[in-house]
Amino acid sequence: MICHKSDITCEKVAEILKNGGVVIIPTDTVYGFSGITTKSFETDRKIREIKGRSESKPLICLIASPTDISKYTDDVISENLLEKWPGALTVIVKNKNDESTTAYRCPGDPWLRKVIELSGNTIFSTSVNLSGQPVLETEAEIEEVFKDKVDLIVLDGDRKNARPSTLVKMEGGKVIVLRQGDVTV
C-alpha cells in the first residue's frame, strides 16, 4: 500500500508495525525502512534482506520521547545532548545488563513520534536504499524500487539533499562524534 502522510493515521501505521509489517516512512532527515523491535517478528531480518544489508551492521532504534532512552541504558547522557532531542541526533549507548551497544534517535517529526508511541515499542530504522547505494531522495524512486517489497510506503515529499542524523557515541562519559549531520555537537 502506498499513501500520503496526510491520508493515513498514526494508528494505522502503528497497527501495521505491531503486526510485523515493514514500512517506509518519512523522518526529519531521510525516508527510513522501519519495523517494530520485538522478538515476535523478524522485521530487522526482513529489512536487511530488502536492503541487501549485512547482518553485522546494526540498525538504529527510534524512540518517542527523549526520556525513553533511560529505559534502555544506564549511560549518563548530558543535558546538553538531551536538549538536542527531538531532532536529527543519533546516540550510541551501552545497553542495560550487558556490554553491547545500540543507537537511539528521538526524531523531530511529531507525527513519527506518535507512530512510535502507538506502536508500544522502539522501532528499527535505516535509510531507504540498497546497501552500498545512495539514499533514495524522491517519492518516485522509492515507489519504483520498493513498492512490492514492503507492507506500506508513506509519502511526504521528496528529500533532496537531506543529510543523515549526527551520530555520536557515549564512551566513558564522553561524547565522541562519529558522523556530523545538521545537529552540531
Protein backbone atom coordinates (compact mmCIF):
# COMPACT_ATOMS: atom_id res chain seq x y z
CA MET A 1 0.00 0.00 0.00
CA ILE A 2 1.23 3.49 -0.86
CA CYS A 3 -0.33 6.63 0.60
CA HIS A 4 0.49 10.17 1.57
CA LYS A 5 1.21 11.02 5.21
CA SER A 6 -1.87 13.24 5.35
CA ASP A 7 -4.07 10.32 4.21
CA ILE A 8 -3.15 7.75 6.88
CA THR A 9 -3.49 7.85 10.63
CA CYS A 10 -0.67 7.24 13.06
CA GLU A 11 -2.85 4.47 14.50
CA LYS A 12 -2.97 2.64 11.15
CA VAL A 13 0.81 2.83 10.67
CA ALA A 14 1.36 1.61 14.25
CA GLU A 15 -1.08 -1.26 13.65
CA ILE A 16 0.89 -2.40 10.59
CA LEU A 17 4.11 -2.23 12.62
CA LYS A 18 2.59 -4.14 15.57
CA ASN A 19 1.53 -6.87 13.14
CA GLY A 20 5.11 -7.37 11.94
CA GLY A 21 4.93 -5.19 8.85
CA VAL A 22 7.85 -3.39 7.26
CA VAL A 23 7.08 0.20 6.33
CA ILE A 24 8.87 3.05 4.59
CA ILE A 25 8.16 6.28 6.43
CA PRO A 26 9.40 9.85 6.24
CA THR A 27 11.61 11.07 9.06
CA ASP A 28 13.00 14.50 9.82
CA THR A 29 16.06 13.54 7.75
CA VAL A 30 15.59 10.92 5.00
CA TYR A 31 13.00 8.21 4.38
CA GLY A 32 13.53 5.13 6.50
CA PHE A 33 12.69 1.45 6.48
CA SER A 34 11.02 0.69 9.80
CA GLY A 35 9.76 -2.29 11.74
CA ILE A 36 8.83 -2.92 15.33
CA THR A 37 11.54 -4.11 17.67
CA THR A 38 10.08 -7.24 19.21
CA LYS A 39 11.26 -10.83 19.27
CA SER A 40 7.86 -11.92 17.91
CA PHE A 41 8.74 -10.60 14.45
CA GLU A 42 11.95 -10.70 12.48
CA THR A 43 11.46 -7.30 10.89
CA ASP A 44 15.15 -6.48 11.30
CA ARG A 45 15.96 -9.56 9.17
CA LYS A 46 13.29 -8.57 6.61
CA ILE A 47 14.70 -5.06 6.34
CA ARG A 48 18.24 -6.40 5.90
CA GLU A 49 17.03 -8.74 3.13
CA ILE A 50 15.21 -5.91 1.33
CA LYS A 51 18.27 -3.64 1.51
CA GLY A 52 20.87 -6.37 0.99
CA ARG A 53 22.46 -5.20 4.23
CA SER A 54 24.97 -7.18 6.27
CA GLU A 55 23.78 -8.90 9.45
CA SER A 56 26.68 -7.32 11.32
CA LYS A 57 25.73 -3.72 10.53
CA PRO A 58 23.28 -2.56 13.23
CA LEU A 59 20.01 -0.70 12.70
CA ILE A 60 19.10 2.27 14.86
CA CYS A 61 16.09 2.36 17.17
CA LEU A 62 13.68 5.29 17.15
CA ILE A 63 12.14 6.38 20.45
CA ALA A 64 9.04 8.51 21.06
CA SER A 65 10.42 10.77 23.79
CA PRO A 66 13.90 11.84 24.92
CA THR A 67 13.23 10.41 28.39
CA ASP A 68 12.63 6.96 26.87
CA ILE A 69 16.40 6.49 26.50
CA SER A 70 16.65 5.73 30.23
CA LYS A 71 14.60 2.54 29.66
CA TYR A 72 17.43 1.09 27.57
CA THR A 73 20.70 2.33 29.06
CA ASP A 74 22.33 3.27 32.33
CA ASP A 75 24.78 5.54 30.49
CA VAL A 76 24.58 9.12 31.69
CA ILE A 77 23.74 11.40 28.79
CA SER A 78 24.49 15.06 29.36
CA GLU A 79 21.67 17.57 29.44
CA ASN A 80 23.39 19.42 26.57
CA LEU A 81 23.00 16.32 24.39
CA LEU A 82 19.44 15.51 25.50
CA GLU A 83 18.40 19.09 24.67
CA LYS A 84 19.08 18.31 21.00
CA TRP A 85 16.20 15.79 21.06
CA PRO A 86 13.78 15.56 19.45
CA GLY A 87 15.93 16.06 16.40
CA ALA A 88 18.41 14.63 13.93
CA LEU A 89 20.80 13.22 16.51
CA THR A 90 21.59 9.51 16.97
CA VAL A 91 23.27 8.44 20.20
CA ILE A 92 25.04 5.09 20.64
CA VAL A 93 24.89 3.84 24.23
CA LYS A 94 25.61 0.64 26.17
CA ASN A 95 22.51 -1.47 26.70
CA LYS A 96 21.29 -2.19 30.21
CA ASN A 97 22.51 -5.50 31.63
CA ASP A 98 25.20 -6.18 29.01
CA GLU A 99 28.09 -4.59 27.19
CA SER A 100 26.52 -4.44 23.72
CA THR A 101 25.53 -1.09 22.26
CA THR A 102 22.51 0.28 20.42
CA ALA A 103 21.97 3.54 18.54
CA TYR A 104 18.87 5.56 19.50
CA ARG A 105 17.23 8.59 17.96
CA CYS A 106 14.23 10.65 19.01
CA PRO A 107 13.11 12.15 15.67
CA GLY A 108 11.97 15.74 15.32
CA ASP A 109 8.77 14.85 13.45
CA PRO A 110 5.78 14.81 15.88
CA TRP A 111 3.82 12.51 13.53
CA LEU A 112 6.60 9.92 13.60
CA ARG A 113 6.98 10.17 17.38
CA LYS A 114 3.23 9.47 17.69
CA VAL A 115 3.59 6.38 15.47
CA ILE A 116 6.43 5.15 17.71
CA GLU A 117 4.41 5.82 20.85
CA LEU A 118 1.35 3.99 19.49
CA SER A 119 3.47 1.01 18.42
CA GLY A 120 4.28 0.48 22.09
CA ASN A 121 7.97 -0.05 21.49
CA THR A 122 11.02 1.34 19.74
CA ILE A 123 11.08 0.83 16.00
CA PHE A 124 14.03 -0.10 13.82
CA SER A 125 15.05 2.44 11.23
CA THR A 126 17.56 2.62 8.43
CA SER A 127 17.78 4.77 5.32
CA VAL A 128 15.85 3.76 2.21
CA ASN A 129 18.38 2.49 -0.29
CA LEU A 130 20.01 -0.71 -1.43
CA SER A 131 23.14 -1.43 0.60
CA GLY A 132 26.14 0.41 -0.82
CA GLN A 133 23.95 2.67 -2.99
CA PRO A 134 22.96 6.32 -2.38
CA VAL A 135 19.92 7.06 -0.24
CA LEU A 136 16.79 7.44 -2.39
CA GLU A 137 15.64 11.05 -2.34
CA THR A 138 12.40 11.13 -4.33
CA GLU A 139 8.99 9.58 -3.90
CA ALA A 140 9.17 8.23 -7.46
CA GLU A 141 12.48 6.42 -6.82
CA ILE A 142 11.21 4.91 -3.58
CA GLU A 143 7.99 3.66 -5.20
CA GLU A 144 9.81 2.26 -8.23
CA VAL A 145 12.38 0.28 -6.25
CA PHE A 146 10.44 -0.84 -3.16
CA LYS A 147 6.66 -0.79 -3.82
CA ASP A 148 6.44 -4.59 -3.98
CA LYS A 149 8.89 -5.26 -1.14
CA VAL A 150 7.26 -3.57 1.89
CA ASP A 151 3.82 -3.54 3.51
CA LEU A 152 3.38 0.24 3.41
CA ILE A 153 5.04 3.31 1.91
CA VAL A 154 4.07 6.64 3.47
CA LEU A 155 4.97 9.57 1.21
CA ASP A 156 5.64 13.13 2.36
CA GLY A 157 7.52 14.85 -0.42
CA ASP A 158 10.99 14.43 -1.84
CA ARG A 159 14.04 14.63 0.43
CA LYS A 160 16.60 16.06 -1.98
CA ASN A 161 19.97 16.75 -0.38
CA ALA A 162 18.74 15.72 3.08
CA ARG A 163 21.55 14.95 5.48
CA PRO A 164 21.57 11.95 7.80
CA SER A 165 21.46 12.46 11.54
CA THR A 166 24.53 13.42 13.52
CA LEU A 167 25.90 10.21 15.04
CA VAL A 168 27.64 10.20 18.42
CA LYS A 169 28.84 7.51 20.78
CA MET A 170 28.88 7.70 24.56
CA GLU A 171 32.16 6.31 25.84
CA GLY A 172 33.37 6.67 29.42
CA GLY A 173 31.05 9.62 29.98
CA LYS A 174 32.41 11.43 26.92
CA VAL A 175 30.69 12.18 23.62
CA ILE A 176 32.55 11.05 20.50
CA VAL A 177 31.24 12.40 17.18
CA LEU A 178 31.26 9.65 14.55
CA ARG A 179 29.32 11.49 11.81
CA GLN A 180 28.46 15.18 11.71
CA GLY A 181 25.00 15.97 10.36
CA ASP A 182 22.81 19.06 10.77
CA VAL A 183 22.81 18.88 14.58
CA THR A 184 26.03 20.35 15.93
CA VAL A 185 27.57 18.54 18.90
